Amino acid sequence: MPTTLTWLGHAAFLIETSGKVVLVDPYLDDNPSASVRADQVTPDYILVSHGHGDHLGDTLAIARRTGALVVSNAEIITWLKNQQVAGHALHIGGGHHFPFGHLKLTPAMHGSMLPDGSDGGHAAGFLLTTADGKKIYLAADTGLFGDMRLIGEEGIDLAALPIGDNYTMGPEDALRAVTFIAPRLVLPIHYNTFDLIQQDGHAWAARVERETGVPVRVLSPGQSLQI
């Protein structure tokens, strides 16, 4: 069964796999580039990479409305449980088999304070292995780090990498990340949401393909692909 990923804008994704709907970093209602609003999604699971408002986003409202199980680090899950939201806590390097596949938290070089100032633990990325063995790496907010090479050793089918700069990797470091990971396909994310992270995704894609040979898909918010 193919897995469908829909980019919702910024770092938000809707992933449909194994009959489940997984929402990632649902920054929707306050996101000027989002393709949907928070009340238009009905996930079974919500993945939260870290505590910043442009990633935690509308998690509370969506989880309360739908009963979706939130998966994140232990600090964020504790914070959510104190607000009567169900969650499953993981931590960096740890993984778990869910009905939608195996999910592992990867390192991310970034902060994670929650919107009310609470400790959001360590920022993370996600390595999802689907039921048919496809490996999807969602880097979320991160700078470049050498252990991306270890993630690449997993044999990544799709890597979603931030290119916006200022808060995350910019185009140069994101290109280096592609060489470290060597995925079969790349998606640029976390750019053009605000003036401060404006980038030319198509120019970056052309350069990546020219210099690494790795194909890049540049999606507009609301567009999907299958793997």
Foldseek 3Di string as FASTA:
>chain_A
DWKKWAFQAFLWIWIAALNFTEIFQPQAPPFPQGPDHLVVDQGQEYEAQAADCSRCHCVLVNCVVRVHEYEYAPQVQVVSVVVVGHYDHDDAQDWDQDSQFIKHWHAAAAAHQHPVRDHTPGGTWIWGQGPVGATETERRAHEADQCLLVVLVSAHAEYEEEAQPPRHNHLVRVLVSCVSNVHQEYEYHNAPRDPSRHDDRVVSQVVSCVPPVRHYDYDRRRDMDID
